[in-house]
Amino acid sequence: AAKAGMELAPVLTTNSLELLHQMVREGCGHGVIAVCPGTFEGAGERL
């Protein structure tokens, strides 16, 4: 965000990555995920 000159104003901050996935699935916004290309098999249902 800093390099792109954009403001990061999150609507939800949490230490639960599973909760973030669930809230994106519910259509509450966008999130991020870190994946290893050799082991990643998809983000999950409706994601």
ModelCIF file with pLDDT and N, C-alpha, C, O atoms, coordinates in Angstrom:
data_MODEL
#
_entry.id   MODEL 
#
_entity.id                         1 
_entity.type                       polymer 
_entity.pdbx_number_of_molecules   1 
#
_entity_poly.entity_id                      1 
_entity_poly.type                           'polypeptide(L)' 
_entity_poly.nstd_linkage                   no 
_entity_poly.nstd_monomer                   no 
_entity_poly.pdbx_seq_one_letter_code       AAKAGMELAPVLTTNSLELLHQMVREGCGHGVIAVCPGTFEGAGERL 
_entity_poly.pdbx_seq_one_letter_code_can   AAKAGMELAPVLTTNSLELLHQMVREGCGHGVIAVCPGTFEGAGERL 
_entity_poly.pdbx_strand_id                 A 
#
loop_
_entity_poly_seq.entity_id 
_entity_poly_seq.num 
_entity_poly_seq.mon_id 
_entity_poly_seq.hetero 
1 1  ALA n 
1 2  ALA n 
1 3  LYS n 
1 4  ALA n 
1 5  GLY n 
1 6  MET n 
1 7  GLU n 
1 8  LEU n 
1 9  ALA n 
1 10 PRO n 
1 11 VAL n 
1 12 LEU n 
1 13 THR n 
1 14 THR n 
1 15 ASN n 
1 16 SER n 
1 17 LEU n 
1 18 GLU n 
1 19 LEU n 
1 20 LEU n 
1 21 HIS n 
1 22 GLN n 
1 23 MET n 
1 24 VAL n 
1 25 ARG n 
1 26 GLU n 
1 27 GLY n 
1 28 CYS n 
1 29 GLY n 
1 30 HIS n 
1 31 GLY n 
1 32 VAL n 
1 33 ILE n 
1 34 ALA n 
1 35 VAL n 
1 36 CYS n 
1 37 PRO n 
1 38 GLY n 
1 39 THR n 
1 40 PHE n 
1 41 GLU n 
1 42 GLY n 
1 43 ALA n 
1 44 GLY n 
1 45 GLU n 
1 46 ARG n 
1 47 LEU n 
#
_struct_asym.id          A 
_struct_asym.entity_id   1 
#
loop_
_ma_qa_metric.id 
_ma_qa_metric.mode 
_ma_qa_metric.name 
_ma_qa_metric.software_group_id 
_ma_qa_metric.type 
1 global pLDDT . pLDDT 
2 local  pLDDT . pLDDT 
#
_ma_qa_metric_global.metric_id      1 
_ma_qa_metric_global.metric_value   87.21 
_ma_qa_metric_global.model_id       1 
_ma_qa_metric_global.ordinal_id     1 
#
loop_
_ma_qa_metric_local.label_asym_id 
_ma_qa_metric_local.label_comp_id 
_ma_qa_metric_local.label_seq_id 
_ma_qa_metric_local.metric_id 
_ma_qa_metric_local.metric_value 
_ma_qa_metric_local.model_id 
_ma_qa_metric_local.ordinal_id 
A ALA 1  2 85.00 1 1  
A ALA 2  2 86.00 1 2  
A LYS 3  2 82.00 1 3  
A ALA 4  2 81.00 1 4  
A GLY 5  2 84.00 1 5  
A MET 6  2 83.00 1 6  
A GLU 7  2 81.00 1 7  
A LEU 8  2 83.00 1 8  
A ALA 9  2 85.00 1 9  
A PRO 10 2 90.00 1 10 
A VAL 11 2 93.00 1 11 
A LEU 12 2 94.00 1 12 
A THR 13 2 93.00 1 13 
A THR 14 2 92.00 1 14 
A ASN 15 2 89.00 1 15 
A SER 16 2 90.00 1 16 
A LEU 17 2 87.00 1 17 
A GLU 18 2 89.00 1 18 
A LEU 19 2 93.00 1 19 
A LEU 20 2 91.00 1 20 
A HIS 21 2 90.00 1 21 
A GLN 22 2 92.00 1 22 
A MET 23 2 93.00 1 23 
A VAL 24 2 92.00 1 24 
A ARG 25 2 90.00 1 25 
A GLU 26 2 91.00 1 26 
A GLY 27 2 89.00 1 27 
A CYS 28 2 92.00 1 28 
A GLY 29 2 90.00 1 29 
A HIS 30 2 90.00 1 30 
A GLY 31 2 90.00 1 31 
A VAL 32 2 89.00 1 32 
A ILE 33 2 89.00 1 33 
A ALA 34 2 89.00 1 34 
A VAL 35 2 89.00 1 35 
A CYS 36 2 88.00 1 36 
A PRO 37 2 85.00 1 37 
A GLY 38 2 82.00 1 38 
A THR 39 2 85.00 1 39 
A PHE 40 2 84.00 1 40 
A GLU 41 2 80.00 1 41 
A GLY 42 2 78.00 1 42 
A ALA 43 2 78.00 1 43 
A GLY 44 2 79.00 1 44 
A GLU 45 2 81.00 1 45 
A ARG 46 2 85.00 1 46 
A LEU 47 2 88.00 1 47 
#
loop_
_atom_site.group_PDB 
_atom_site.id 
_atom_site.type_symbol 
_atom_site.label_atom_id 
_atom_site.label_alt_id 
_atom_site.label_comp_id 
_atom_site.label_asym_id 
_atom_site.label_entity_id 
_atom_site.label_seq_id 
_atom_site.pdbx_PDB_ins_code 
_atom_site.Cartn_x 
_atom_site.Cartn_y 
_atom_site.Cartn_z 
_atom_site.occupancy 
_atom_site.B_iso_or_equiv 
_atom_site.pdbx_formal_charge 
_atom_site.auth_seq_id 
_atom_site.auth_comp_id 
_atom_site.auth_asym_id 
_atom_site.auth_atom_id 
_atom_site.pdbx_PDB_model_num 
ATOM 1   N N  . ALA A 1 1  ? 0.830   -1.203  0.000  1.00 85.00 ? 1  ALA A N  1 
ATOM 2   C CA . ALA A 1 1  ? 0.000   0.000   0.000  1.00 85.00 ? 1  ALA A CA 1 
ATOM 3   C C  . ALA A 1 1  ? 0.869   1.259   0.000  1.00 85.00 ? 1  ALA A C  1 
ATOM 4   O O  . ALA A 1 1  ? 0.577   2.216   -0.717 1.00 85.00 ? 1  ALA A O  1 
ATOM 5   N N  . ALA A 1 2  ? 1.936   1.258   0.804  1.00 86.00 ? 2  ALA A N  1 
ATOM 6   C CA . ALA A 1 2  ? 2.818   2.428   0.879  1.00 86.00 ? 2  ALA A CA 1 
ATOM 7   C C  . ALA A 1 2  ? 3.505   2.673   -0.458 1.00 86.00 ? 2  ALA A C  1 
ATOM 8   O O  . ALA A 1 2  ? 3.601   3.818   -0.899 1.00 86.00 ? 2  ALA A O  1 
ATOM 9   N N  . LYS A 1 3  ? 3.983   1.618   -1.111 1.00 82.00 ? 3  LYS A N  1 
ATOM 10  C CA . LYS A 1 3  ? 4.655   1.781   -2.394 1.00 82.00 ? 3  LYS A CA 1 
ATOM 11  C C  . LYS A 1 3  ? 3.711   2.258   -3.484 1.00 82.00 ? 3  LYS A C  1 
ATOM 12  O O  . LYS A 1 3  ? 4.118   2.981   -4.393 1.00 82.00 ? 3  LYS A O  1 
ATOM 13  N N  . ALA A 1 4  ? 2.461   1.857   -3.393 1.00 81.00 ? 4  ALA A N  1 
ATOM 14  C CA . ALA A 1 4  ? 1.471   2.261   -4.394 1.00 81.00 ? 4  ALA A CA 1 
ATOM 15  C C  . ALA A 1 4  ? 0.816   3.600   -4.063 1.00 81.00 ? 4  ALA A C  1 
ATOM 16  O O  . ALA A 1 4  ? -0.004  4.100   -4.833 1.00 81.00 ? 4  ALA A O  1 
ATOM 17  N N  . GLY A 1 5  ? 1.178   4.180   -2.918 1.00 84.00 ? 5  GLY A N  1 
ATOM 18  C CA . GLY A 1 5  ? 0.598   5.448   -2.517 1.00 84.00 ? 5  GLY A CA 1 
ATOM 19  C C  . GLY A 1 5  ? -0.864  5.347   -2.148 1.00 84.00 ? 5  GLY A C  1 
ATOM 20  O O  . GLY A 1 5  ? -1.614  6.309   -2.311 1.00 84.00 ? 5  GLY A O  1 
ATOM 21  N N  . MET A 1 6  ? -1.276  4.201   -1.656 1.00 83.00 ? 6  MET A N  1 
ATOM 22  C CA . MET A 1 6  ? -2.673  3.980   -1.281 1.00 83.00 ? 6  MET A CA 1 
ATOM 23  C C  . MET A 1 6  ? -2.790  3.816   0.226  1.00 83.00 ? 6  MET A C  1 
ATOM 24  O O  . MET A 1 6  ? -1.836  3.426   0.900  1.00 83.00 ? 6  MET A O  1 
ATOM 25  N N  . GLU A 1 7  ? -3.949  4.114   0.731  1.00 81.00 ? 7  GLU A N  1 
ATOM 26  C CA . GLU A 1 7  ? -4.181  4.018   2.170  1.00 81.00 ? 7  GLU A CA 1 
ATOM 27  C C  . GLU A 1 7  ? -4.779  2.663   2.504  1.00 81.00 ? 7  GLU A C  1 
ATOM 28  O O  . GLU A 1 7  ? -5.746  2.226   1.881  1.00 81.00 ? 7  GLU A O  1 
ATOM 29  N N  . LEU A 1 8  ? -4.190  2.003   3.497  1.00 83.00 ? 8  LEU A N  1 
ATOM 30  C CA . LEU A 1 8  ? -4.732  0.737   3.965  1.00 83.00 ? 8  LEU A CA 1 
ATOM 31  C C  . LEU A 1 8  ? -5.644  1.017   5.150  1.00 83.00 ? 8  LEU A C  1 
ATOM 32  O O  . LEU A 1 8  ? -5.183  1.354   6.240  1.00 83.00 ? 8  LEU A O  1 
ATOM 33  N N  . ALA A 1 9  ? -6.957  0.873   4.919  1.00 85.00 ? 9  ALA A N  1 
ATOM 34  C CA . ALA A 1 9  ? -7.937  1.148   5.974  1.00 85.00 ? 9  ALA A CA 1 
ATOM 35  C C  . ALA A 1 9  ? -8.816  -0.087  6.158  1.00 85.00 ? 9  ALA A C  1 
ATOM 36  O O  . ALA A 1 9  ? -9.926  -0.147  5.629  1.00 85.00 ? 9  ALA A O  1 
ATOM 37  N N  . PRO A 1 10 ? -8.324  -1.066  6.902  1.00 90.00 ? 10 PRO A N  1 
ATOM 38  C CA . PRO A 1 10 ? -9.059  -2.331  7.034  1.00 90.00 ? 10 PRO A CA 1 
ATOM 39  C C  . PRO A 1 10 ? -10.361 -2.173  7.804  1.00 90.00 ? 10 PRO A C  1 
ATOM 40  O O  . PRO A 1 10 ? -10.470 -1.368  8.729  1.00 90.00 ? 10 PRO A O  1 
ATOM 41  N N  . VAL A 1 11 ? -11.345 -2.965  7.394  1.00 93.00 ? 11 VAL A N  1 
ATOM 42  C CA . VAL A 1 11 ? -12.612 -2.990  8.130  1.00 93.00 ? 11 VAL A CA 1 
ATOM 43  C C  . VAL A 1 11 ? -12.600 -4.083  9.197  1.00 93.00 ? 11 VAL A C  1 
ATOM 44  O O  . VAL A 1 11 ? -13.420 -4.080  10.115 1.00 93.00 ? 11 VAL A O  1 
ATOM 45  N N  . LEU A 1 12 ? -11.655 -5.017  9.060  1.00 94.00 ? 12 LEU A N  1 
ATOM 46  C CA . LEU A 1 12 ? -11.529 -6.089  10.059 1.00 94.00 ? 12 LEU A CA 1 
ATOM 47  C C  . LEU A 1 12 ? -10.063 -6.452  10.201 1.00 94.00 ? 12 LEU A C  1 
ATOM 48  O O  . LEU A 1 12 ? -9.367  -6.685  9.213  1.00 94.00 ? 12 LEU A O  1 
ATOM 49  N N  . THR A 1 13 ? -9.601  -6.496  11.448 1.00 93.00 ? 13 THR A N  1 
ATOM 50  C CA . THR A 1 13 ? -8.252  -6.960  11.765 1.00 93.00 ? 13 THR A CA 1 
ATOM 51  C C  . THR A 1 13 ? -8.367  -8.085  12.781 1.00 93.00 ? 13 THR A C  1 
ATOM 52  O O  . THR A 1 13 ? -9.060  -7.943  13.788 1.00 93.00 ? 13 THR A O  1 
ATOM 53  N N  . THR A 1 14 ? -7.696  -9.198  12.527 1.00 92.00 ? 14 THR A N  1 
ATOM 54  C CA . THR A 1 14 ? -7.815  -10.341 13.428 1.00 92.00 ? 14 THR A CA 1 
ATOM 55  C C  . THR A 1 14 ? -6.562  -11.191 13.358 1.00 92.00 ? 14 THR A C  1 
ATOM 56  O O  . THR A 1 14 ? -5.822  -11.141 12.375 1.00 92.00 ? 14 THR A O  1 
ATOM 57  N N  . ASN A 1 15 ? -6.325  -11.972 14.404 1.00 89.00 ? 15 ASN A N  1 
ATOM 58  C CA . ASN A 1 15 ? -5.200  -12.914 14.374 1.00 89.00 ? 15 ASN A CA 1 
ATOM 59  C C  . ASN A 1 15 ? -5.633  -14.296 13.887 1.00 89.00 ? 15 ASN A C  1 
ATOM 60  O O  . ASN A 1 15 ? -4.840  -15.238 13.902 1.00 89.00 ? 15 ASN A O  1 
ATOM 61  N N  . SER A 1 16 ? -6.889  -14.418 13.457 1.00 90.00 ? 16 SER A N  1 
ATOM 62  C CA . SER A 1 16 ? -7.407  -15.693 12.969 1.00 90.00 ? 16 SER A CA 1 
ATOM 63  C C  . SER A 1 16 ? -7.483  -15.679 11.444 1.00 90.00 ? 16 SER A C  1 
ATOM 64  O O  . SER A 1 16 ? -8.338  -15.004 10.870 1.00 90.00 ? 16 SER A O  1 
ATOM 65  N N  . LEU A 1 17 ? -6.594  -16.420 10.791 1.00 87.00 ? 17 LEU A N  1 
ATOM 66  C CA . LEU A 1 17 ? -6.648  -16.496 9.335  1.00 87.00 ? 17 LEU A CA 1 
ATOM 67  C C  . LEU A 1 17 ? -7.896  -17.224 8.866  1.00 87.00 ? 17 LEU A C  1 
ATOM 68  O O  . LEU A 1 17 ? -8.439  -16.915 7.805  1.00 87.00 ? 17 LEU A O  1 
ATOM 69  N N  . GLU A 1 18 ? -8.348  -18.182 9.649  1.00 89.00 ? 18 GLU A N  1 
ATOM 70  C CA . GLU A 1 18 ? -9.574  -18.896 9.290  1.00 89.00 ? 18 GLU A CA 1 
ATOM 71  C C  . GLU A 1 18 ? -10.777 -17.953 9.296  1.00 89.00 ? 18 GLU A C  1 
ATOM 72  O O  . GLU A 1 18 ? -11.647 -18.056 8.432  1.00 89.00 ? 18 GLU A O  1 
ATOM 73  N N  . LEU A 1 19 ? -10.831 -17.033 10.264 1.00 93.00 ? 19 LEU A N  1 
ATOM 74  C CA . LEU A 1 19 ? -11.921 -16.062 10.294 1.00 93.00 ? 19 LEU A CA 1 
ATOM 75  C C  . LEU A 1 19 ? -11.869 -15.159 9.066  1.00 93.00 ? 19 LEU A C  1 
ATOM 76  O O  . LEU A 1 19 ? -12.908 -14.852 8.482  1.00 93.00 ? 19 LEU A O  1 
ATOM 77  N N  . LEU A 1 20 ? -10.666 -14.729 8.667  1.00 91.00 ? 20 LEU A N  1 
ATOM 78  C CA . LEU A 1 20 ? -10.541 -13.903 7.464  1.00 91.00 ? 20 LEU A CA 1 
ATOM 79  C C  . LEU A 1 20 ? -11.098 -14.628 6.247  1.00 91.00 ? 20 LEU A C  1 
ATOM 80  O O  . LEU A 1 20 ? -11.822 -14.040 5.444  1.00 91.00 ? 20 LEU A O  1 
ATOM 81  N N  . HIS A 1 21 ? -10.760 -15.900 6.113  1.00 90.00 ? 21 HIS A N  1 
ATOM 82  C CA . HIS A 1 21 ? -11.265 -16.672 4.980  1.00 90.00 ? 21 HIS A CA 1 
ATOM 83  C C  . HIS A 1 21 ? -12.795 -16.734 5.013  1.00 90.00 ? 21 HIS A C  1 
ATOM 84  O O  . HIS A 1 21 ? -13.455 -16.575 3.986  1.00 90.00 ? 21 HIS A O  1 
ATOM 85  N N  . GLN A 1 22 ? -13.335 -16.964 6.186  1.00 92.00 ? 22 GLN A N  1 
ATOM 86  C CA . GLN A 1 22 ? -14.788 -17.070 6.317  1.00 92.00 ? 22 GLN A CA 1 
ATOM 87  C C  . GLN A 1 22 ? -15.476 -15.745 5.961  1.00 92.00 ? 22 GLN A C  1 
ATOM 88  O O  . GLN A 1 22 ? -16.525 -15.743 5.316  1.00 92.00 ? 22 GLN A O  1 
ATOM 89  N N  . MET A 1 23 ? -14.887 -14.626 6.379  1.00 93.00 ? 23 MET A N  1 
ATOM 90  C CA . MET A 1 23 ? -15.509 -13.328 6.115  1.00 93.00 ? 23 MET A CA 1 
ATOM 91  C C  . MET A 1 23 ? -15.423 -12.957 4.637  1.00 93.00 ? 23 MET A C  1 
ATOM 92  O O  . MET A 1 23 ? -16.339 -12.336 4.098  1.00 93.00 ? 23 MET A O  1 
ATOM 93  N N  . VAL A 1 24 ? -14.317 -13.339 3.978  1.00 92.00 ? 24 VAL A N  1 
ATOM 94  C CA . VAL A 1 24 ? -14.262 -13.136 2.523  1.00 92.00 ? 24 VAL A CA 1 
ATOM 95  C C  . VAL A 1 24 ? -15.319 -13.997 1.845  1.00 92.00 ? 24 VAL A C  1 
ATOM 96  O O  . VAL A 1 24 ? -15.979 -13.548 0.908  1.00 92.00 ? 24 VAL A O  1 
ATOM 97  N N  . ARG A 1 25 ? -15.481 -15.215 2.308  1.00 90.00 ? 25 ARG A N  1 
ATOM 98  C CA . ARG A 1 25 ? -16.493 -16.116 1.745  1.00 90.00 ? 25 ARG A CA 1 
ATOM 99  C C  . ARG A 1 25 ? -17.900 -15.531 1.908  1.00 90.00 ? 25 ARG A C  1 
ATOM 100 O O  . ARG A 1 25 ? -18.774 -15.745 1.068  1.00 90.00 ? 25 ARG A O  1 
ATOM 101 N N  . GLU A 1 26 ? -18.102 -14.791 3.001  1.00 91.00 ? 26 GLU A N  1 
ATOM 102 C CA . GLU A 1 26 ? -19.402 -14.163 3.237  1.00 91.00 ? 26 GLU A CA 1 
ATOM 103 C C  . GLU A 1 26 ? -19.586 -12.875 2.437  1.00 91.00 ? 26 GLU A C  1 
ATOM 104 O O  . GLU A 1 26 ? -20.633 -12.236 2.533  1.00 91.00 ? 26 GLU A O  1 
ATOM 105 N N  . GLY A 1 27 ? -18.576 -12.485 1.645  1.00 89.00 ? 27 GLY A N  1 
ATOM 106 C CA . GLY A 1 27 ? -18.701 -11.296 0.802  1.00 89.00 ? 27 GLY A CA 1 
ATOM 107 C C  . GLY A 1 27 ? -18.433 -9.997  1.523  1.00 89.00 ? 27 GLY A C  1 
ATOM 108 O O  . GLY A 1 27 ? -18.907 -8.945  1.095  1.00 89.00 ? 27 GLY A O  1 
ATOM 109 N N  . CYS A 1 28 ? -17.672 -10.047 2.627  1.00 92.00 ? 28 CYS A N  1 
ATOM 110 C CA . CYS A 1 28 ? -17.430 -8.843  3.414  1.00 92.00 ? 28 CYS A CA 1 
ATOM 111 C C  . CYS A 1 28 ? -16.237 -8.024  2.930  1.00 92.00 ? 28 CYS A C  1 
ATOM 112 O O  . CYS A 1 28 ? -16.002 -6.929  3.442  1.00 92.00 ? 28 CYS A O  1 
ATOM 113 N N  . GLY A 1 29 ? -15.482 -8.525  1.959  1.00 90.00 ? 29 GLY A N  1 
ATOM 114 C CA . GLY A 1 29 ? -14.346 -7.774  1.461  1.00 90.00 ? 29 GLY A CA 1 
ATOM 115 C C  . GLY A 1 29 ? -13.278 -8.682  0.897  1.00 90.00 ? 29 GLY A C  1 
ATOM 116 O O  . GLY A 1 29 ? -13.505 -9.874  0.689  1.00 90.00 ? 29 GLY A O  1 
ATOM 117 N N  . HIS A 1 30 ? -12.092 -8.102  0.646  1.00 90.00 ? 30 HIS A N  1 
ATOM 118 C CA . HIS A 1 30 ? -10.951 -8.842  0.123  1.00 90.00 ? 30 HIS A CA 1 
ATOM 119 C C  . HIS A 1 30 ? -9.933  -9.089  1.234  1.00 90.00 ? 30 HIS A C  1 
ATOM 120 O O  . HIS A 1 30 ? -9.815  -8.309  2.179  1.00 90.00 ? 30 HIS A O  1 
ATOM 121 N N  . GLY A 1 31 ? -9.210  -10.182 1.097  1.00 90.00 ? 31 GLY A N  1 
ATOM 122 C CA . GLY A 1 31 ? -8.126  -10.485 2.021  1.00 90.00 ? 31 GLY A CA 1 
ATOM 123 C C  . GLY A 1 31 ? -6.899  -10.922 1.243  1.00 90.00 ? 31 GLY A C  1 
ATOM 124 O O  . GLY A 1 31 ? -6.842  -10.781 0.021  1.00 90.00 ? 31 GLY A O  1 
ATOM 125 N N  . VAL A 1 32 ? -5.917  -11.453 1.959  1.00 89.00 ? 32 VAL A N  1 
ATOM 126 C CA . VAL A 1 32 ? -4.710  -11.977 1.315  1.00 89.00 ? 32 VAL A CA 1 
ATOM 127 C C  . VAL A 1 32 ? -4.396  -13.357 1.881  1.00 89.00 ? 32 VAL A C  1 
ATOM 128 O O  . VAL A 1 32 ? -4.816  -13.711 2.983  1.00 89.00 ? 32 VAL A O  1 
ATOM 129 N N  . ILE A 1 33 ? -3.654  -14.112 1.104  1.00 89.00 ? 33 ILE A N  1 
ATOM 130 C CA . ILE A 1 33 ? -3.268  -15.449 1.521  1.00 89.00 ? 33 ILE A CA 1 
ATOM 131 C C  . ILE A 1 33 ? -1.847  -15.716 1.023  1.00 89.00 ? 33 ILE A C  1 
ATOM 132 O O  . ILE A 1 33 ? -1.493  -15.321 -0.088 1.00 89.00 ? 33 ILE A O  1 
ATOM 133 N N  . ALA A 1 34 ? -1.036  -16.387 1.843  1.00 89.00 ? 34 ALA A N  1 
ATOM 134 C CA . ALA A 1 34 ? 0.316   -16.772 1.433  1.00 89.00 ? 34 ALA A CA 1 
ATOM 135 C C  . ALA A 1 34 ? 0.288   -18.246 1.064  1.00 89.00 ? 34 ALA A C  1 
ATOM 136 O O  . ALA A 1 34 ? -0.167  -19.076 1.851  1.00 89.00 ? 34 ALA A O  1 
ATOM 137 N N  . VAL A 1 35 ? 0.774   -18.577 -0.138 1.00 89.00 ? 35 VAL A N  1 
ATOM 138 C CA . VAL A 1 35 ? 0.716   -19.960 -0.604 1.00 89.00 ? 35 VAL A CA 1 
ATOM 139 C C  . VAL A 1 35 ? 2.073   -20.389 -1.141 1.00 89.00 ? 35 VAL A C  1 
ATOM 140 O O  . VAL A 1 35 ? 2.827   -19.584 -1.687 1.00 89.00 ? 35 VAL A O  1 
ATOM 141 N N  . CYS A 1 36 ? 2.363   -21.654 -0.977 1.00 88.00 ? 36 CYS A N  1 
ATOM 142 C CA . CYS A 1 36 ? 3.538   -22.261 -1.599 1.00 88.00 ? 36 CYS A CA 1 
ATOM 143 C C  . CYS A 1 36 ? 3.065   -22.913 -2.896 1.00 88.00 ? 36 CYS A C  1 
ATOM 144 O O  . CYS A 1 36 ? 2.241   -23.826 -2.849 1.00 88.00 ? 36 CYS A O  1 
ATOM 145 N N  . PRO A 1 37 ? 3.562   -22.471 -4.053 1.00 85.00 ? 37 PRO A N  1 
ATOM 146 C CA . PRO A 1 37 ? 3.048   -22.977 -5.328 1.00 85.00 ? 37 PRO A CA 1 
ATOM 147 C C  . PRO A 1 37 ? 3.039   -24.494 -5.435 1.00 85.00 ? 37 PRO A C  1 
ATOM 148 O O  . PRO A 1 37 ? 2.161   -25.049 -6.096 1.00 85.00 ? 37 PRO A O  1 
ATOM 149 N N  . GLY A 1 38 ? 3.976   -25.176 -4.814 1.00 82.00 ? 38 GLY A N  1 
ATOM 150 C CA . GLY A 1 38 ? 4.041   -26.625 -4.940 1.00 82.00 ? 38 GLY A CA 1 
ATOM 151 C C  . GLY A 1 38 ? 3.069   -27.389 -4.078 1.00 82.00 ? 38 GLY A C  1 
ATOM 152 O O  . GLY A 1 38 ? 2.921   -28.599 -4.251 1.00 82.00 ? 38 GLY A O  1 
ATOM 153 N N  . THR A 1 39 ? 2.398   -26.724 -3.151 1.00 85.00 ? 39 THR A N  1 
ATOM 154 C CA . THR A 1 39 ? 1.476   -27.420 -2.251 1.00 85.00 ? 39 THR A CA 1 
ATOM 155 C C  . THR A 1 39 ? 0.062   -26.848 -2.279 1.00 85.00 ? 39 THR A C  1 
ATOM 156 O O  . THR A 1 39 ? -0.847  -27.426 -1.683 1.00 85.00 ? 39 THR A O  1 
ATOM 157 N N  . PHE A 1 40 ? -0.136  -25.718 -2.965 1.00 84.00 ? 40 PHE A N  1 
ATOM 158 C CA . PHE A 1 40 ? -1.432  -25.039 -2.924 1.00 84.00 ? 40 PHE A CA 1 
ATOM 159 C C  . PHE A 1 40 ? -2.433  -25.753 -3.829 1.00 84.00 ? 40 PHE A C  1 
ATOM 160 O O  . PHE A 1 40 ? -2.146  -26.011 -4.998 1.00 84.00 ? 40 PHE A O  1 
ATOM 161 N N  . GLU A 1 41 ? -3.602  -26.069 -3.288 1.00 80.00 ? 41 GLU A N  1 
ATOM 162 C CA . GLU A 1 41 ? -4.639  -26.779 -4.049 1.00 80.00 ? 41 GLU A CA 1 
ATOM 163 C C  . GLU A 1 41 ? -5.944  -25.993 -4.125 1.00 80.00 ? 41 GLU A C  1 
ATOM 164 O O  . GLU A 1 41 ? -6.998  -26.563 -4.409 1.00 80.00 ? 41 GLU A O  1 
ATOM 165 N N  . GLY A 1 42 ? -5.879  -24.708 -3.878 1.00 78.00 ? 42 GLY A N  1 
ATOM 166 C CA . GLY A 1 42 ? -7.084  -23.891 -3.970 1.00 78.00 ? 42 GLY A CA 1 
ATOM 167 C C  . GLY A 1 42 ? -7.438  -23.260 -2.641 1.00 78.00 ? 42 GLY A C  1 
ATOM 168 O O  . GLY A 1 42 ? -7.057  -23.753 -1.580 1.00 78.00 ? 42 GLY A O  1 
ATOM 169 N N  . ALA A 1 43 ? -8.172  -22.159 -2.713 1.00 78.00 ? 43 ALA A N  1 
ATOM 170 C CA . ALA A 1 43 ? -8.495  -21.391 -1.513 1.00 78.00 ? 43 ALA A CA 1 
ATOM 171 C C  . ALA A 1 43 ? -9.650  -21.981 -0.720 1.00 78.00 ? 43 ALA A C  1 
ATOM 172 O O  . ALA A 1 43 ? -9.833  -21.645 0.450  1.00 78.00 ? 43 ALA A O  1 
ATOM 173 N N  . GLY A 1 44 ? -10.423 -22.847 -1.338 1.00 79.00 ? 44 GLY A N  1 
ATOM 174 C CA . GLY A 1 44 ? -11.558 -23.420 -0.635 1.00 79.00 ? 44 GLY A CA 1 
ATOM 175 C C  . GLY A 1 44 ? -12.871 -23.067 -1.295 1.00 79.00 ? 44 GLY A C  1 
ATOM 176 O O  . GLY A 1 44 ? -12.906 -22.340 -2.288 1.00 79.00 ? 44 GLY A O  1 
ATOM 177 N N  . GLU A 1 45 ? -13.937 -23.579 -0.744 1.00 81.00 ? 45 GLU A N  1 
ATOM 178 C CA . GLU A 1 45 ? -15.273 -23.390 -1.318 1.00 81.00 ? 45 GLU A CA 1 
ATOM 179 C C  . GLU A 1 45 ? -15.650 -21.907 -1.394 1.00 81.00 ? 45 GLU A C  1 
ATOM 180 O O  . GLU A 1 45 ? -15.538 -21.164 -0.418 1.00 81.00 ? 45 GLU A O  1 
ATOM 181 N N  . ARG A 1 46 ? -16.098 -21.505 -2.583 1.00 85.00 ? 46 ARG A N  1 
ATOM 182 C CA . ARG A 1 46 ? -16.581 -20.137 -2.877 1.00 85.00 ? 46 ARG A CA 1 
ATOM 183 C C  . ARG A 1 46 ? -15.500 -19.076 -2.701 1.00 85.00 ? 46 ARG A C  1 
ATOM 184 O O  . ARG A 1 46 ? -15.812 -17.899 -2.517 1.00 85.00 ? 46 ARG A O  1 
ATOM 185 N N  . LEU A 1 47 ? -14.230 -19.483 -2.755 1.00 88.00 ? 47 LEU A N  1 
ATOM 186 C CA . LEU A 1 47 ? -13.121 -18.531 -2.648 1.00 88.00 ? 47 LEU A CA 1 
ATOM 187 C C  . LEU A 1 47 ? -12.158 -18.727 -3.815 1.00 88.00 ? 47 LEU A C  1 
ATOM 188 O O  . LEU A 1 47 ? -11.154 -18.021 -3.911 1.00 88.00 ? 47 LEU A O  1 
#
